[in-house]
Amino acid sequence: MEKYETNPRLGRFVIRDETKTIGFGKIIGIKMMTKDELDKMRYLKKQEELKVQSEKSAPIEKEEKKLEPPKEVKPPEKSSKEETKKILKEEAKTEPPSSSVKKP
């Protein structure tokens, strides 16, 4: 980058978003930053990013607080082998055998 007055070719810029031009201009001045100024700018930028992240995560925490505790689920009662066989026989009666299904 150079000032437009110094080098017109390097003193112009274009800002594009994919194929759309959203800005263009000439560089009229360049400010050189000291290391301390650069570190301060990076620190402030990092603080802003952390603030945005905490704002994004805040609604999630609120939603989690609204959730009710899970209800107690009773384990199924133990059935005897005879009851299991009876249930399987009843299910077999209601389902058609696979050989009776016609294939297209």
Foldseek 3Di string as FASTA:
>chain_A
DDACVVPVVVQKDWDDDVPRTDDIDGHHDDDDDDPVVVVVVVVVVVVVVVVVVCVVCVVVVVVVVPDDDDDDDDDDDDDDPVVVVVVVVVVPVVDDDPVPDDDD
